[in-house]
Every structure is written in C-alpha cells, then in structure tokens.
mmCIF file of all heavy atoms, coordinates in Angstrom:
data_MODEL
# 
_entry.id   MODEL 
# 
loop_
_atom_site.group_PDB 
_atom_site.id 
_atom_site.type_symbol 
_atom_site.label_atom_id 
_atom_site.label_alt_id 
_atom_site.label_comp_id 
_atom_site.label_asym_id 
_atom_site.label_entity_id 
_atom_site.label_seq_id 
_atom_site.pdbx_PDB_ins_code 
_atom_site.Cartn_x 
_atom_site.Cartn_y 
_atom_site.Cartn_z 
_atom_site.occupancy 
_atom_site.B_iso_or_equiv 
_atom_site.pdbx_formal_charge 
_atom_site.auth_seq_id 
_atom_site.auth_comp_id 
_atom_site.auth_asym_id 
_atom_site.auth_atom_id 
_atom_site.pdbx_PDB_model_num 
ATOM 1   N N   . ALA A 1 1  ? 0.804  -1.186 -0.039 1.00 0.00 ? 1  ALA A N   1 
ATOM 2   C CA  . ALA A 1 1  ? 0.017  -0.009 0.064  1.00 0.00 ? 1  ALA A CA  1 
ATOM 3   C C   . ALA A 1 1  ? 0.878  1.189  -0.042 1.00 0.00 ? 1  ALA A C   1 
ATOM 4   O O   . ALA A 1 1  ? 0.508  2.214  -0.701 1.00 0.00 ? 1  ALA A O   1 
ATOM 5   C CB  . ALA A 1 1  ? -0.936 -0.020 1.237  1.00 0.00 ? 1  ALA A CB  1 
ATOM 6   N N   . ARG A 1 2  ? 1.929  1.213  0.830  1.00 0.00 ? 2  ARG A N   1 
ATOM 7   C CA  . ARG A 1 2  ? 2.842  2.458  0.871  1.00 0.00 ? 2  ARG A CA  1 
ATOM 8   C C   . ARG A 1 2  ? 3.544  2.622  -0.455 1.00 0.00 ? 2  ARG A C   1 
ATOM 9   O O   . ARG A 1 2  ? 3.660  3.803  -0.916 1.00 0.00 ? 2  ARG A O   1 
ATOM 10  C CB  . ARG A 1 2  ? 3.807  2.235  1.993  1.00 0.00 ? 2  ARG A CB  1 
ATOM 11  C CG  . ARG A 1 2  ? 4.437  3.535  2.393  1.00 0.00 ? 2  ARG A CG  1 
ATOM 12  C CD  . ARG A 1 2  ? 3.407  4.457  2.936  1.00 0.00 ? 2  ARG A CD  1 
ATOM 13  N NE  . ARG A 1 2  ? 3.632  5.877  2.741  1.00 0.00 ? 2  ARG A NE  1 
ATOM 14  C CZ  . ARG A 1 2  ? 2.773  6.800  2.393  1.00 0.00 ? 2  ARG A CZ  1 
ATOM 15  N NH1 . ARG A 1 2  ? 1.568  6.491  2.346  1.00 0.00 ? 2  ARG A NH1 1 
ATOM 16  N NH2 . ARG A 1 2  ? 3.176  8.023  2.166  1.00 0.00 ? 2  ARG A NH2 1 
ATOM 17  N N   . LEU A 1 3  ? 3.967  1.526  -1.122 1.00 0.00 ? 3  LEU A N   1 
ATOM 18  C CA  . LEU A 1 3  ? 4.618  1.688  -2.405 1.00 0.00 ? 3  LEU A CA  1 
ATOM 19  C C   . LEU A 1 3  ? 3.694  2.276  -3.379 1.00 0.00 ? 3  LEU A C   1 
ATOM 20  O O   . LEU A 1 3  ? 4.129  3.191  -4.225 1.00 0.00 ? 3  LEU A O   1 
ATOM 21  C CB  . LEU A 1 3  ? 5.123  0.301  -2.882 1.00 0.00 ? 3  LEU A CB  1 
ATOM 22  C CG  . LEU A 1 3  ? 5.841  0.351  -4.258 1.00 0.00 ? 3  LEU A CG  1 
ATOM 23  C CD1 . LEU A 1 3  ? 7.016  1.305  -4.226 1.00 0.00 ? 3  LEU A CD1 1 
ATOM 24  C CD2 . LEU A 1 3  ? 6.348  -1.021 -4.624 1.00 0.00 ? 3  LEU A CD2 1 
ATOM 25  N N   . LEU A 1 4  ? 2.487  1.833  -3.464 1.00 0.00 ? 4  LEU A N   1 
ATOM 26  C CA  . LEU A 1 4  ? 1.489  2.375  -4.384 1.00 0.00 ? 4  LEU A CA  1 
ATOM 27  C C   . LEU A 1 4  ? 1.290  3.859  -4.113 1.00 0.00 ? 4  LEU A C   1 
ATOM 28  O O   . LEU A 1 4  ? 1.259  4.656  -5.015 1.00 0.00 ? 4  LEU A O   1 
ATOM 29  C CB  . LEU A 1 4  ? 0.057  1.607  -4.195 1.00 0.00 ? 4  LEU A CB  1 
ATOM 30  C CG  . LEU A 1 4  ? -1.117 2.181  -4.980 1.00 0.00 ? 4  LEU A CG  1 
ATOM 31  C CD1 . LEU A 1 4  ? -0.823 2.098  -6.500 1.00 0.00 ? 4  LEU A CD1 1 
ATOM 32  C CD2 . LEU A 1 4  ? -2.324 1.511  -4.610 1.00 0.00 ? 4  LEU A CD2 1 
ATOM 33  N N   . ALA A 1 5  ? 1.147  4.213  -2.840 1.00 0.00 ? 5  ALA A N   1 
ATOM 34  C CA  . ALA A 1 5  ? 0.933  5.651  -2.519 1.00 0.00 ? 5  ALA A CA  1 
ATOM 35  C C   . ALA A 1 5  ? 2.199  6.438  -2.826 1.00 0.00 ? 5  ALA A C   1 
ATOM 36  O O   . ALA A 1 5  ? 2.036  7.610  -3.410 1.00 0.00 ? 5  ALA A O   1 
ATOM 37  C CB  . ALA A 1 5  ? 0.595  5.759  -1.063 1.00 0.00 ? 5  ALA A CB  1 
ATOM 38  N N   . MET A 1 6  ? 3.420  5.872  -2.662 1.00 0.00 ? 6  MET A N   1 
ATOM 39  C CA  . MET A 1 6  ? 4.610  6.655  -2.903 1.00 0.00 ? 6  MET A CA  1 
ATOM 40  C C   . MET A 1 6  ? 4.817  6.914  -4.452 1.00 0.00 ? 6  MET A C   1 
ATOM 41  O O   . MET A 1 6  ? 5.370  7.982  -4.834 1.00 0.00 ? 6  MET A O   1 
ATOM 42  C CB  . MET A 1 6  ? 5.853  5.891  -2.420 1.00 0.00 ? 6  MET A CB  1 
ATOM 43  C CG  . MET A 1 6  ? 6.114  6.063  -0.999 1.00 0.00 ? 6  MET A CG  1 
ATOM 44  S SD  . MET A 1 6  ? 6.451  7.768  -0.553 1.00 0.00 ? 6  MET A SD  1 
ATOM 45  C CE  . MET A 1 6  ? 6.519  7.671  1.174  1.00 0.00 ? 6  MET A CE  1 
ATOM 46  N N   . LYS A 1 7  ? 4.275  6.059  -5.230 1.00 0.00 ? 7  LYS A N   1 
ATOM 47  C CA  . LYS A 1 7  ? 4.428  6.191  -6.674 1.00 0.00 ? 7  LYS A CA  1 
ATOM 48  C C   . LYS A 1 7  ? 3.567  7.417  -7.207 1.00 0.00 ? 7  LYS A C   1 
ATOM 49  O O   . LYS A 1 7  ? 3.869  7.899  -8.255 1.00 0.00 ? 7  LYS A O   1 
ATOM 50  C CB  . LYS A 1 7  ? 3.999  4.968  -7.472 1.00 0.00 ? 7  LYS A CB  1 
ATOM 51  C CG  . LYS A 1 7  ? 4.962  3.882  -7.326 1.00 0.00 ? 7  LYS A CG  1 
ATOM 52  C CD  . LYS A 1 7  ? 4.569  2.650  -8.081 1.00 0.00 ? 7  LYS A CD  1 
ATOM 53  C CE  . LYS A 1 7  ? 5.667  1.552  -7.897 1.00 0.00 ? 7  LYS A CE  1 
ATOM 54  N NZ  . LYS A 1 7  ? 5.258  0.305  -8.672 1.00 0.00 ? 7  LYS A NZ  1 
ATOM 55  N N   . THR A 1 8  ? 2.725  7.962  -6.421 1.00 0.00 ? 8  THR A N   1 
ATOM 56  C CA  . THR A 1 8  ? 1.835  9.015  -6.846 1.00 0.00 ? 8  THR A CA  1 
ATOM 57  C C   . THR A 1 8  ? 2.105  10.288 -6.061 1.00 0.00 ? 8  THR A C   1 
ATOM 58  O O   . THR A 1 8  ? 1.366  11.298 -6.215 1.00 0.00 ? 8  THR A O   1 
ATOM 59  C CB  . THR A 1 8  ? 0.345  8.624  -6.808 1.00 0.00 ? 8  THR A CB  1 
ATOM 60  O OG1 . THR A 1 8  ? -0.014 8.375  -5.482 1.00 0.00 ? 8  THR A OG1 1 
ATOM 61  C CG2 . THR A 1 8  ? 0.011  7.446  -7.625 1.00 0.00 ? 8  THR A CG2 1 
ATOM 62  N N   . THR A 1 9  ? 3.063  10.262 -5.105 1.00 0.00 ? 9  THR A N   1 
ATOM 63  C CA  . THR A 1 9  ? 3.376  11.402 -4.290 1.00 0.00 ? 9  THR A CA  1 
ATOM 64  C C   . THR A 1 9  ? 4.393  12.305 -4.958 1.00 0.00 ? 9  THR A C   1 
ATOM 65  O O   . THR A 1 9  ? 5.256  11.820 -5.677 1.00 0.00 ? 9  THR A O   1 
ATOM 66  C CB  . THR A 1 9  ? 3.800  11.112 -2.837 1.00 0.00 ? 9  THR A CB  1 
ATOM 67  O OG1 . THR A 1 9  ? 4.858  10.256 -2.893 1.00 0.00 ? 9  THR A OG1 1 
ATOM 68  C CG2 . THR A 1 9  ? 2.676  10.377 -2.063 1.00 0.00 ? 9  THR A CG2 1 
ATOM 69  N N   . THR A 1 10 ? 4.401  13.585 -4.648 1.00 0.00 ? 10 THR A N   1 
ATOM 70  C CA  . THR A 1 10 ? 5.334  14.509 -5.151 1.00 0.00 ? 10 THR A CA  1 
ATOM 71  C C   . THR A 1 10 ? 6.583  14.576 -4.254 1.00 0.00 ? 10 THR A C   1 
ATOM 72  O O   . THR A 1 10 ? 6.537  14.029 -3.136 1.00 0.00 ? 10 THR A O   1 
ATOM 73  C CB  . THR A 1 10 ? 4.769  15.922 -5.307 1.00 0.00 ? 10 THR A CB  1 
ATOM 74  O OG1 . THR A 1 10 ? 4.456  16.381 -4.001 1.00 0.00 ? 10 THR A OG1 1 
ATOM 75  C CG2 . THR A 1 10 ? 3.521  15.902 -6.136 1.00 0.00 ? 10 THR A CG2 1 
ATOM 76  N N   . ARG A 1 11 ? 7.576  15.299 -4.676 1.00 0.00 ? 11 ARG A N   1 
ATOM 77  C CA  . ARG A 1 11 ? 8.826  15.476 -3.820 1.00 0.00 ? 11 ARG A CA  1 
ATOM 78  C C   . ARG A 1 11 ? 8.401  16.148 -2.593 1.00 0.00 ? 11 ARG A C   1 
ATOM 79  O O   . ARG A 1 11 ? 8.835  15.757 -1.454 1.00 0.00 ? 11 ARG A O   1 
ATOM 80  C CB  . ARG A 1 11 ? 9.861  16.199 -4.618 1.00 0.00 ? 11 ARG A CB  1 
ATOM 81  C CG  . ARG A 1 11 ? 11.148 16.401 -3.814 1.00 0.00 ? 11 ARG A CG  1 
ATOM 82  C CD  . ARG A 1 11 ? 12.188 17.241 -4.725 1.00 0.00 ? 11 ARG A CD  1 
ATOM 83  N NE  . ARG A 1 11 ? 13.357 17.335 -4.007 1.00 0.00 ? 11 ARG A NE  1 
ATOM 84  C CZ  . ARG A 1 11 ? 13.618 18.180 -3.016 1.00 0.00 ? 11 ARG A CZ  1 
ATOM 85  N NH1 . ARG A 1 11 ? 12.772 19.063 -2.702 1.00 0.00 ? 11 ARG A NH1 1 
ATOM 86  N NH2 . ARG A 1 11 ? 14.870 18.207 -2.404 1.00 0.00 ? 11 ARG A NH2 1 
ATOM 87  N N   . ASP A 1 12 ? 7.575  17.187 -2.673 1.00 0.00 ? 12 ASP A N   1 
ATOM 88  C CA  . ASP A 1 12 ? 7.202  17.969 -1.467 1.00 0.00 ? 12 ASP A CA  1 
ATOM 89  C C   . ASP A 1 12 ? 6.363  17.077 -0.574 1.00 0.00 ? 12 ASP A C   1 
ATOM 90  O O   . ASP A 1 12 ? 6.580  17.159 0.672  1.00 0.00 ? 12 ASP A O   1 
ATOM 91  C CB  . ASP A 1 12 ? 6.358  19.140 -1.900 1.00 0.00 ? 12 ASP A CB  1 
ATOM 92  C CG  . ASP A 1 12 ? 7.124  20.313 -2.574 1.00 0.00 ? 12 ASP A CG  1 
ATOM 93  O OD1 . ASP A 1 12 ? 8.406  20.289 -2.369 1.00 0.00 ? 12 ASP A OD1 1 
ATOM 94  O OD2 . ASP A 1 12 ? 6.542  21.165 -3.184 1.00 0.00 ? 12 ASP A OD2 1 
ATOM 95  N N   . GLU A 1 13 ? 5.575  16.137 -1.071 1.00 0.00 ? 13 GLU A N   1 
ATOM 96  C CA  . GLU A 1 13 ? 4.811  15.321 -0.269 1.00 0.00 ? 13 GLU A CA  1 
ATOM 97  C C   . GLU A 1 13 ? 5.731  14.342 0.497  1.00 0.00 ? 13 GLU A C   1 
ATOM 98  O O   . GLU A 1 13 ? 5.537  13.991 1.669  1.00 0.00 ? 13 GLU A O   1 
ATOM 99  C CB  . GLU A 1 13 ? 3.755  14.610 -1.017 1.00 0.00 ? 13 GLU A CB  1 
ATOM 100 C CG  . GLU A 1 13 ? 2.575  15.477 -1.465 1.00 0.00 ? 13 GLU A CG  1 
ATOM 101 C CD  . GLU A 1 13 ? 1.713  14.927 -2.537 1.00 0.00 ? 13 GLU A CD  1 
ATOM 102 O OE1 . GLU A 1 13 ? 2.118  14.155 -3.329 1.00 0.00 ? 13 GLU A OE1 1 
ATOM 103 O OE2 . GLU A 1 13 ? 0.548  15.367 -2.531 1.00 0.00 ? 13 GLU A OE2 1 
ATOM 104 N N   . ARG A 1 14 ? 6.791  13.892 -0.175 1.00 0.00 ? 14 ARG A N   1 
ATOM 105 C CA  . ARG A 1 14 ? 7.679  13.007 0.441  1.00 0.00 ? 14 ARG A CA  1 
ATOM 106 C C   . ARG A 1 14 ? 8.518  13.694 1.509  1.00 0.00 ? 14 ARG A C   1 
ATOM 107 O O   . ARG A 1 14 ? 8.839  13.047 2.552  1.00 0.00 ? 14 ARG A O   1 
ATOM 108 C CB  . ARG A 1 14 ? 8.618  12.331 -0.660 1.00 0.00 ? 14 ARG A CB  1 
ATOM 109 C CG  . ARG A 1 14 ? 7.920  11.397 -1.482 1.00 0.00 ? 14 ARG A CG  1 
ATOM 110 C CD  . ARG A 1 14 ? 8.720  10.923 -2.688 1.00 0.00 ? 14 ARG A CD  1 
ATOM 111 N NE  . ARG A 1 14 ? 7.950  10.070 -3.560 1.00 0.00 ? 14 ARG A NE  1 
ATOM 112 C CZ  . ARG A 1 14 ? 8.422  9.546  -4.689 1.00 0.00 ? 14 ARG A CZ  1 
ATOM 113 N NH1 . ARG A 1 14 ? 9.629  9.845  -5.119 1.00 0.00 ? 14 ARG A NH1 1 
ATOM 114 N NH2 . ARG A 1 14 ? 7.690  8.777  -5.407 1.00 0.00 ? 14 ARG A NH2 1 
ATOM 115 N N   . LEU A 1 15 ? 8.832  14.971 1.261  1.00 0.00 ? 15 LEU A N   1 
ATOM 116 C CA  . LEU A 1 15 ? 9.545  15.704 2.311  1.00 0.00 ? 15 LEU A CA  1 
ATOM 117 C C   . LEU A 1 15 ? 8.627  15.913 3.588  1.00 0.00 ? 15 LEU A C   1 
ATOM 118 O O   . LEU A 1 15 ? 9.075  15.912 4.653  1.00 0.00 ? 15 LEU A O   1 
ATOM 119 C CB  . LEU A 1 15 ? 9.980  17.013 1.799  1.00 0.00 ? 15 LEU A CB  1 
ATOM 120 C CG  . LEU A 1 15 ? 11.148 16.992 0.733  1.00 0.00 ? 15 LEU A CG  1 
ATOM 121 C CD1 . LEU A 1 15 ? 11.348 18.408 0.135  1.00 0.00 ? 15 LEU A CD1 1 
ATOM 122 C CD2 . LEU A 1 15 ? 12.394 16.458 1.361  1.00 0.00 ? 15 LEU A CD2 1 
ATOM 123 N N   . ARG A 1 16 ? 7.323  16.081 3.348  1.00 0.00 ? 16 ARG A N   1 
ATOM 124 C CA  . ARG A 1 16 ? 6.359  16.207 4.453  1.00 0.00 ? 16 ARG A CA  1 
ATOM 125 C C   . ARG A 1 16 ? 6.384  14.934 5.253  1.00 0.00 ? 16 ARG A C   1 
ATOM 126 O O   . ARG A 1 16 ? 6.329  14.991 6.501  1.00 0.00 ? 16 ARG A O   1 
ATOM 127 C CB  . ARG A 1 16 ? 4.940  16.417 3.831  1.00 0.00 ? 16 ARG A CB  1 
ATOM 128 C CG  . ARG A 1 16 ? 3.886  16.549 4.912  1.00 0.00 ? 16 ARG A CG  1 
ATOM 129 C CD  . ARG A 1 16 ? 2.438  16.287 4.450  1.00 0.00 ? 16 ARG A CD  1 
ATOM 130 N NE  . ARG A 1 16 ? 2.469  14.960 3.827  1.00 0.00 ? 16 ARG A NE  1 
ATOM 131 C CZ  . ARG A 1 16 ? 1.971  14.566 2.701  1.00 0.00 ? 16 ARG A CZ  1 
ATOM 132 N NH1 . ARG A 1 16 ? 1.650  15.475 1.800  1.00 0.00 ? 16 ARG A NH1 1 
ATOM 133 N NH2 . ARG A 1 16 ? 2.045  13.351 2.294  1.00 0.00 ? 16 ARG A NH2 1 
ATOM 134 N N   . ILE A 1 17 ? 6.542  13.820 4.634  1.00 0.00 ? 17 ILE A N   1 
ATOM 135 C CA  . ILE A 1 17 ? 6.560  12.529 5.343  1.00 0.00 ? 17 ILE A CA  1 
ATOM 136 C C   . ILE A 1 17 ? 7.881  12.539 6.190  1.00 0.00 ? 17 ILE A C   1 
ATOM 137 O O   . ILE A 1 17 ? 7.756  12.064 7.380  1.00 0.00 ? 17 ILE A O   1 
ATOM 138 C CB  . ILE A 1 17 ? 6.524  11.338 4.416  1.00 0.00 ? 17 ILE A CB  1 
ATOM 139 C CG1 . ILE A 1 17 ? 5.134  11.209 3.700  1.00 0.00 ? 17 ILE A CG1 1 
ATOM 140 C CG2 . ILE A 1 17 ? 6.876  10.026 5.095  1.00 0.00 ? 17 ILE A CG2 1 
ATOM 141 C CD1 . ILE A 1 17 ? 5.084  10.277 2.558  1.00 0.00 ? 17 ILE A CD1 1 
ATOM 142 N N   . GLN A 1 18 ? 8.903  12.955 5.673  1.00 0.00 ? 18 GLN A N   1 
ATOM 143 C CA  . GLN A 1 18 ? 10.117 13.058 6.467  1.00 0.00 ? 18 GLN A CA  1 
ATOM 144 C C   . GLN A 1 18 ? 10.004 13.859 7.705  1.00 0.00 ? 18 GLN A C   1 
ATOM 145 O O   . GLN A 1 18 ? 10.436 13.615 8.850  1.00 0.00 ? 18 GLN A O   1 
ATOM 146 C CB  . GLN A 1 18 ? 11.345 13.480 5.650  1.00 0.00 ? 18 GLN A CB  1 
ATOM 147 C CG  . GLN A 1 18 ? 11.929 12.458 4.658  1.00 0.00 ? 18 GLN A CG  1 
ATOM 148 C CD  . GLN A 1 18 ? 12.944 13.068 3.828  1.00 0.00 ? 18 GLN A CD  1 
ATOM 149 O OE1 . GLN A 1 18 ? 13.109 14.198 3.590  1.00 0.00 ? 18 GLN A OE1 1 
ATOM 150 N NE2 . GLN A 1 18 ? 13.778 12.054 3.246  1.00 0.00 ? 18 GLN A NE2 1 
ATOM 151 N N   . ARG A 1 19 ? 9.292  15.033 7.532  1.00 0.00 ? 19 ARG A N   1 
ATOM 152 C CA  . ARG A 1 19 ? 9.061  15.923 8.612  1.00 0.00 ? 19 ARG A CA  1 
ATOM 153 C C   . ARG A 1 19 ? 8.171  15.305 9.638  1.00 0.00 ? 19 ARG A C   1 
ATOM 154 O O   . ARG A 1 19 ? 8.381  15.499 10.890 1.00 0.00 ? 19 ARG A O   1 
ATOM 155 C CB  . ARG A 1 19 ? 8.468  17.280 8.133  1.00 0.00 ? 19 ARG A CB  1 
ATOM 156 C CG  . ARG A 1 19 ? 9.465  18.148 7.419  1.00 0.00 ? 19 ARG A CG  1 
ATOM 157 C CD  . ARG A 1 19 ? 8.865  19.542 7.119  1.00 0.00 ? 19 ARG A CD  1 
ATOM 158 N NE  . ARG A 1 19 ? 7.658  19.523 6.348  1.00 0.00 ? 19 ARG A NE  1 
ATOM 159 C CZ  . ARG A 1 19 ? 7.588  19.509 4.995  1.00 0.00 ? 19 ARG A CZ  1 
ATOM 160 N NH1 . ARG A 1 19 ? 8.646  19.507 4.281  1.00 0.00 ? 19 ARG A NH1 1 
ATOM 161 N NH2 . ARG A 1 19 ? 6.352  19.488 4.468  1.00 0.00 ? 19 ARG A NH2 1 
ATOM 162 N N   . GLN A 1 20 ? 7.196  14.505 9.268  1.00 0.00 ? 20 GLN A N   1 
ATOM 163 C CA  . GLN A 1 20 ? 6.298  13.911 10.114 1.00 0.00 ? 20 GLN A CA  1 
ATOM 164 C C   . GLN A 1 20 ? 7.059  12.804 10.999 1.00 0.00 ? 20 GLN A C   1 
ATOM 165 O O   . GLN A 1 20 ? 6.905  12.723 12.186 1.00 0.00 ? 20 GLN A O   1 
ATOM 166 C CB  . GLN A 1 20 ? 5.133  13.256 9.434  1.00 0.00 ? 20 GLN A CB  1 
ATOM 167 C CG  . GLN A 1 20 ? 4.191  14.293 8.842  1.00 0.00 ? 20 GLN A CG  1 
ATOM 168 C CD  . GLN A 1 20 ? 3.141  13.607 7.910  1.00 0.00 ? 20 GLN A CD  1 
ATOM 169 O OE1 . GLN A 1 20 ? 3.192  12.475 7.549  1.00 0.00 ? 20 GLN A OE1 1 
ATOM 170 N NE2 . GLN A 1 20 ? 2.110  14.441 7.616  1.00 0.00 ? 20 GLN A NE2 1 
ATOM 171 N N   . HIS A 1 21 ? 7.965  12.040 10.271 1.00 0.00 ? 21 HIS A N   1 
ATOM 172 C CA  . HIS A 1 21 ? 8.821  11.136 10.937 1.00 0.00 ? 21 HIS A CA  1 
ATOM 173 C C   . HIS A 1 21 ? 9.670  11.769 12.058 1.00 0.00 ? 21 HIS A C   1 
ATOM 174 O O   . HIS A 1 21 ? 9.756  11.306 13.138 1.00 0.00 ? 21 HIS A O   1 
ATOM 175 C CB  . HIS A 1 21 ? 9.696  10.343 10.047 1.00 0.00 ? 21 HIS A CB  1 
ATOM 176 C CG  . HIS A 1 21 ? 9.010  9.279  9.270  1.00 0.00 ? 21 HIS A CG  1 
ATOM 177 N ND1 . HIS A 1 21 ? 9.602  8.467  8.321  1.00 0.00 ? 21 HIS A ND1 1 
ATOM 178 C CD2 . HIS A 1 21 ? 7.668  8.928  9.282  1.00 0.00 ? 21 HIS A CD2 1 
ATOM 179 C CE1 . HIS A 1 21 ? 8.767  7.649  7.766  1.00 0.00 ? 21 HIS A CE1 1 
ATOM 180 N NE2 . HIS A 1 21 ? 7.579  7.872  8.304  1.00 0.00 ? 21 HIS A NE2 1 
ATOM 181 N N   . LYS A 1 22 ? 10.224 12.943 11.661 1.00 0.00 ? 22 LYS A N   1 
ATOM 182 C CA  . LYS A 1 22 ? 11.049 13.688 12.614 1.00 0.00 ? 22 LYS A CA  1 
ATOM 183 C C   . LYS A 1 22 ? 10.227 14.108 13.796 1.00 0.00 ? 22 LYS A C   1 
ATOM 184 O O   . LYS A 1 22 ? 10.758 14.018 15.007 1.00 0.00 ? 22 LYS A O   1 
ATOM 185 C CB  . LYS A 1 22 ? 11.709 14.873 11.925 1.00 0.00 ? 22 LYS A CB  1 
ATOM 186 C CG  . LYS A 1 22 ? 12.696 15.634 12.814 1.00 0.00 ? 22 LYS A CG  1 
ATOM 187 C CD  . LYS A 1 22 ? 13.477 16.708 12.057 1.00 0.00 ? 22 LYS A CD  1 
ATOM 188 C CE  . LYS A 1 22 ? 14.383 17.446 13.096 1.00 0.00 ? 22 LYS A CE  1 
ATOM 189 N NZ  . LYS A 1 22 ? 14.984 18.517 12.425 1.00 0.00 ? 22 LYS A NZ  1 
ATOM 190 N N   . ALA A 1 23 ? 9.012  14.555 13.603 1.00 0.00 ? 23 ALA A N   1 
ATOM 191 C CA  . ALA A 1 23 ? 8.192  15.044 14.703 1.00 0.00 ? 23 ALA A CA  1 
ATOM 192 C C   . ALA A 1 23 ? 7.970  13.888 15.644 1.00 0.00 ? 23 ALA A C   1 
ATOM 193 O O   . ALA A 1 23 ? 7.900  14.011 16.901 1.00 0.00 ? 23 ALA A O   1 
ATOM 194 C CB  . ALA A 1 23 ? 6.868  15.589 14.188 1.00 0.00 ? 23 ALA A CB  1 
ATOM 195 N N   . ILE A 1 24 ? 7.582  12.671 15.088 1.00 0.00 ? 24 ILE A N   1 
ATOM 196 C CA  . ILE A 1 24 ? 7.319  11.530 15.967 1.00 0.00 ? 24 ILE A CA  1 
ATOM 197 C C   . ILE A 1 24 ? 8.572  11.136 16.655 1.00 0.00 ? 24 ILE A C   1 
ATOM 198 O O   . ILE A 1 24 ? 8.592  10.937 17.944 1.00 0.00 ? 24 ILE A O   1 
ATOM 199 C CB  . ILE A 1 24 ? 6.904  10.300 15.003 1.00 0.00 ? 24 ILE A CB  1 
ATOM 200 C CG1 . ILE A 1 24 ? 5.549  10.627 14.351 1.00 0.00 ? 24 ILE A CG1 1 
ATOM 201 C CG2 . ILE A 1 24 ? 6.858  9.098  15.858 1.00 0.00 ? 24 ILE A CG2 1 
ATOM 202 C CD1 . ILE A 1 24 ? 5.241  9.685  13.219 1.00 0.00 ? 24 ILE A CD1 1 
ATOM 203 N N   . TYR A 1 25 ? 9.721  11.072 16.030 1.00 0.00 ? 25 TYR A N   1 
ATOM 204 C CA  . TYR A 1 25 ? 11.005 10.726 16.663 1.00 0.00 ? 25 TYR A CA  1 
ATOM 205 C C   . TYR A 1 25 ? 11.227 11.699 17.833 1.00 0.00 ? 25 TYR A C   1 
ATOM 206 O O   . TYR A 1 25 ? 11.683 11.317 18.885 1.00 0.00 ? 25 TYR A O   1 
ATOM 207 C CB  . TYR A 1 25 ? 12.156 10.634 15.674 1.00 0.00 ? 25 TYR A CB  1 
ATOM 208 C CG  . TYR A 1 25 ? 13.477 10.571 16.344 1.00 0.00 ? 25 TYR A CG  1 
ATOM 209 C CD1 . TYR A 1 25 ? 13.948 9.224  16.736 1.00 0.00 ? 25 TYR A CD1 1 
ATOM 210 C CD2 . TYR A 1 25 ? 14.282 11.648 16.541 1.00 0.00 ? 25 TYR A CD2 1 
ATOM 211 C CE1 . TYR A 1 25 ? 15.130 9.175  17.410 1.00 0.00 ? 25 TYR A CE1 1 
ATOM 212 C CE2 . TYR A 1 25 ? 15.466 11.582 17.216 1.00 0.00 ? 25 TYR A CE2 1 
ATOM 213 C CZ  . TYR A 1 25 ? 15.895 10.336 17.601 1.00 0.00 ? 25 TYR A CZ  1 
ATOM 214 O OH  . TYR A 1 25 ? 17.079 10.167 18.310 1.00 0.00 ? 25 TYR A OH  1 
ATOM 215 N N   . THR A 1 26 ? 11.210 12.928 17.516 1.00 0.00 ? 26 THR A N   1 
ATOM 216 C CA  . THR A 1 26 ? 11.540 14.046 18.469 1.00 0.00 ? 26 THR A CA  1 
ATOM 217 C C   . THR A 1 26 ? 10.662 13.845 19.737 1.00 0.00 ? 26 THR A C   1 
ATOM 218 O O   . THR A 1 26 ? 11.226 13.900 20.873 1.00 0.00 ? 26 THR A O   1 
ATOM 219 C CB  . THR A 1 26 ? 11.466 15.432 17.848 1.00 0.00 ? 26 THR A CB  1 
ATOM 220 O OG1 . THR A 1 26 ? 12.274 15.548 16.757 1.00 0.00 ? 26 THR A OG1 1 
ATOM 221 C CG2 . THR A 1 26 ? 11.679 16.505 18.936 1.00 0.00 ? 26 THR A CG2 1 
ATOM 222 N N   . ALA A 1 27 ? 9.432  13.676 19.569 1.00 0.00 ? 27 ALA A N   1 
ATOM 223 C CA  . ALA A 1 27 ? 8.487  13.505 20.666 1.00 0.00 ? 27 ALA A CA  1 
ATOM 224 C C   . ALA A 1 27 ? 8.812  12.290 21.538 1.00 0.00 ? 27 ALA A C   1 
ATOM 225 O O   . ALA A 1 27 ? 8.851  12.331 22.802 1.00 0.00 ? 27 ALA A O   1 
ATOM 226 C CB  . ALA A 1 27 ? 7.028  13.398 20.217 1.00 0.00 ? 27 ALA A CB  1 
# 
C-alpha cells in the first residue's frame, strides 16, 4: 500500500513524510 501511494506522491509530499517522521521521533 505504501509503495502504491509513494508512486503518486510529489517530492514535496515525500519531504512532508520525512518531517512527520522527525516530529514522531523528536516526541
């Protein structure tokens, strides 16, 4: 499911995912 979703996301959307991971990790 994630691979399917990643194939349709933009670079900005992928960067958003990284920021979300960072927020989770930081917390």
